[in-house]
N, C-alpha and C. Protein backbone atom coordinates (compact mmCIF):
# COMPACT_ATOMS: atom_id res chain seq x y z
N MET A 1 0.85 -1.17 0.00
CA MET A 1 0.00 0.00 0.00
C MET A 1 0.89 1.23 0.00
N LYS A 2 0.43 2.26 -0.67
CA LYS A 2 1.20 3.49 -0.77
C LYS A 2 0.41 4.67 -0.22
N LEU A 3 1.16 5.63 0.31
CA LEU A 3 0.60 6.90 0.71
C LEU A 3 1.11 7.91 -0.31
N ILE A 4 0.21 8.67 -0.90
CA ILE A 4 0.55 9.61 -1.96
C ILE A 4 0.45 11.03 -1.42
N ILE A 5 1.48 11.80 -1.65
CA ILE A 5 1.52 13.19 -1.23
C ILE A 5 1.45 14.03 -2.50
N LYS A 6 0.49 14.91 -2.55
CA LYS A 6 0.33 15.80 -3.69
C LYS A 6 0.62 17.22 -3.23
N GLU A 7 1.66 17.81 -3.80
CA GLU A 7 1.97 19.19 -3.52
C GLU A 7 1.41 20.02 -4.67
N HIS A 8 0.44 20.86 -4.36
CA HIS A 8 -0.20 21.68 -5.38
C HIS A 8 0.77 22.75 -5.85
N GLY A 9 0.84 22.92 -7.13
CA GLY A 9 1.69 23.95 -7.70
C GLY A 9 0.88 25.18 -8.03
N ASP A 10 1.49 26.04 -8.79
CA ASP A 10 0.83 27.24 -9.29
C ASP A 10 1.28 27.43 -10.73
N LEU A 11 0.51 26.92 -11.66
CA LEU A 11 0.89 26.95 -13.06
C LEU A 11 0.98 28.36 -13.63
N PHE A 12 0.31 29.31 -12.99
CA PHE A 12 0.38 30.69 -13.46
C PHE A 12 1.78 31.28 -13.31
N VAL A 13 2.54 30.75 -12.37
CA VAL A 13 3.92 31.23 -12.17
C VAL A 13 4.94 30.15 -12.50
N GLY A 14 4.48 29.06 -13.12
CA GLY A 14 5.39 28.03 -13.60
C GLY A 14 5.79 26.97 -12.59
N ILE A 15 5.02 26.81 -11.51
CA ILE A 15 5.33 25.78 -10.52
C ILE A 15 4.37 24.61 -10.74
N PRO A 16 4.88 23.47 -11.22
CA PRO A 16 4.00 22.32 -11.48
C PRO A 16 3.63 21.59 -10.18
N GLU A 17 2.57 20.80 -10.26
CA GLU A 17 2.23 19.92 -9.14
C GLU A 17 3.33 18.88 -9.00
N ARG A 18 3.54 18.43 -7.78
CA ARG A 18 4.51 17.36 -7.54
C ARG A 18 3.85 16.27 -6.72
N TYR A 19 4.23 15.05 -7.01
CA TYR A 19 3.71 13.90 -6.28
C TYR A 19 4.86 13.12 -5.67
N TYR A 20 4.63 12.60 -4.47
CA TYR A 20 5.60 11.75 -3.78
C TYR A 20 4.83 10.51 -3.33
N GLN A 21 5.48 9.38 -3.30
CA GLN A 21 4.85 8.15 -2.84
C GLN A 21 5.68 7.55 -1.71
N ILE A 22 4.98 7.11 -0.70
CA ILE A 22 5.62 6.44 0.43
C ILE A 22 5.07 5.03 0.49
N ASP A 23 5.95 4.05 0.55
CA ASP A 23 5.51 2.67 0.78
C ASP A 23 5.19 2.53 2.26
N CYS A 24 3.95 2.23 2.56
CA CYS A 24 3.53 2.10 3.96
C CYS A 24 4.11 0.83 4.56
N PRO A 25 4.47 0.88 5.83
CA PRO A 25 5.02 -0.30 6.50
C PRO A 25 3.93 -1.26 6.98
N PHE A 26 2.74 -1.15 6.40
CA PHE A 26 1.60 -1.98 6.78
C PHE A 26 0.65 -2.06 5.60
N GLU A 27 -0.30 -2.95 5.69
CA GLU A 27 -1.38 -3.05 4.70
C GLU A 27 -2.68 -2.57 5.34
N ARG A 28 -3.60 -2.18 4.53
CA ARG A 28 -4.87 -1.61 5.02
C ARG A 28 -5.57 -2.52 6.01
N ASN A 29 -5.59 -3.81 5.75
CA ASN A 29 -6.32 -4.75 6.62
C ASN A 29 -5.55 -5.11 7.89
N GLU A 30 -4.33 -4.60 8.04
CA GLU A 30 -3.51 -4.93 9.21
C GLU A 30 -3.64 -3.91 10.35
N VAL A 31 -4.26 -2.76 10.08
CA VAL A 31 -4.35 -1.70 11.08
C VAL A 31 -5.78 -1.17 11.18
N GLU A 32 -6.03 -0.50 12.28
CA GLU A 32 -7.35 0.11 12.50
C GLU A 32 -7.45 1.42 11.70
N GLU A 33 -8.66 1.85 11.44
CA GLU A 33 -8.90 3.09 10.69
C GLU A 33 -8.24 4.29 11.38
N ILE A 34 -8.30 4.34 12.69
CA ILE A 34 -7.69 5.46 13.42
C ILE A 34 -6.18 5.52 13.20
N ASP A 35 -5.55 4.36 13.04
CA ASP A 35 -4.11 4.32 12.76
C ASP A 35 -3.80 4.83 11.36
N LEU A 36 -4.67 4.53 10.40
CA LEU A 36 -4.50 5.05 9.04
C LEU A 36 -4.58 6.58 9.04
N ILE A 37 -5.54 7.11 9.76
CA ILE A 37 -5.72 8.55 9.84
C ILE A 37 -4.53 9.20 10.54
N SER A 38 -4.08 8.61 11.61
CA SER A 38 -2.95 9.14 12.37
C SER A 38 -1.66 9.13 11.54
N PHE A 39 -1.39 8.03 10.85
CA PHE A 39 -0.20 7.93 10.02
C PHE A 39 -0.21 9.00 8.93
N LYS A 40 -1.37 9.17 8.30
CA LYS A 40 -1.51 10.16 7.24
C LYS A 40 -1.25 11.58 7.78
N ALA A 41 -1.78 11.89 8.94
CA ALA A 41 -1.58 13.22 9.55
C ALA A 41 -0.11 13.46 9.91
N GLU A 42 0.55 12.43 10.42
CA GLU A 42 1.97 12.57 10.78
C GLU A 42 2.84 12.79 9.54
N ILE A 43 2.55 12.07 8.47
CA ILE A 43 3.31 12.25 7.24
C ILE A 43 3.08 13.65 6.67
N LEU A 44 1.85 14.13 6.71
CA LEU A 44 1.55 15.47 6.23
C LEU A 44 2.37 16.52 7.00
N GLN A 45 2.41 16.40 8.31
CA GLN A 45 3.17 17.35 9.12
C GLN A 45 4.66 17.28 8.81
N THR A 46 5.16 16.08 8.58
CA THR A 46 6.58 15.91 8.27
C THR A 46 6.94 16.56 6.94
N TYR A 47 6.14 16.34 5.92
CA TYR A 47 6.45 16.85 4.60
C TYR A 47 6.12 18.34 4.43
N LYS A 48 5.22 18.86 5.25
CA LYS A 48 4.84 20.25 5.13
C LYS A 48 6.03 21.19 5.29
N GLN A 49 6.96 20.83 6.12
CA GLN A 49 8.10 21.71 6.35
C GLN A 49 8.98 21.85 5.10
N TYR A 50 8.87 20.92 4.17
CA TYR A 50 9.65 20.97 2.93
C TYR A 50 8.85 21.49 1.74
N ALA A 51 7.55 21.60 1.92
CA ALA A 51 6.68 21.97 0.80
C ALA A 51 6.64 23.48 0.61
N GLU A 52 6.57 23.88 -0.63
CA GLU A 52 6.46 25.30 -0.95
C GLU A 52 5.00 25.70 -1.13
N MET A 53 4.16 24.74 -1.40
CA MET A 53 2.76 25.03 -1.70
C MET A 53 1.85 24.18 -0.81
N ARG A 54 0.55 24.32 -1.04
CA ARG A 54 -0.45 23.54 -0.29
C ARG A 54 -0.32 22.06 -0.63
N MET A 55 -0.58 21.21 0.34
CA MET A 55 -0.43 19.77 0.16
C MET A 55 -1.69 19.02 0.57
N GLU A 56 -1.82 17.83 0.03
CA GLU A 56 -2.82 16.88 0.51
C GLU A 56 -2.19 15.49 0.46
N VAL A 57 -2.70 14.62 1.30
CA VAL A 57 -2.15 13.28 1.43
C VAL A 57 -3.30 12.28 1.35
N PHE A 58 -3.10 11.21 0.57
CA PHE A 58 -4.14 10.19 0.48
C PHE A 58 -3.51 8.84 0.19
N TYR A 59 -4.19 7.79 0.63
CA TYR A 59 -3.74 6.43 0.35
C TYR A 59 -4.13 6.05 -1.07
N ASP A 60 -3.40 5.11 -1.64
CA ASP A 60 -3.70 4.70 -3.02
C ASP A 60 -5.12 4.19 -3.16
N PHE A 61 -5.70 3.59 -2.13
CA PHE A 61 -7.08 3.11 -2.23
C PHE A 61 -8.09 4.26 -2.15
N GLU A 62 -7.65 5.45 -1.71
CA GLU A 62 -8.52 6.62 -1.69
C GLU A 62 -8.41 7.43 -2.98
N ASP A 63 -7.45 7.11 -3.80
CA ASP A 63 -7.17 7.86 -5.02
C ASP A 63 -8.38 7.96 -5.95
N GLN A 64 -9.24 6.98 -5.93
CA GLN A 64 -10.40 6.99 -6.80
C GLN A 64 -11.36 8.13 -6.47
N PHE A 65 -11.23 8.71 -5.28
CA PHE A 65 -12.13 9.79 -4.87
C PHE A 65 -11.55 11.17 -5.14
N ASN A 66 -10.27 11.27 -5.50
CA ASN A 66 -9.60 12.57 -5.73
C ASN A 66 -9.60 12.92 -7.20
């Protein structure tokens, strides 16, 4: 399972969107929903310090909704 980080760019000033993928150390059926939410929030906070633009984080199984 992967966690996908999408850093929104600004095409008006030439900054493209960027995507990063993290291989999760677990599978969806191995952890509780609260752990999935917590892991996602922690990764967002970690990557935010390096991001220049707005970010969102989602699991590959959530990708169908984005």
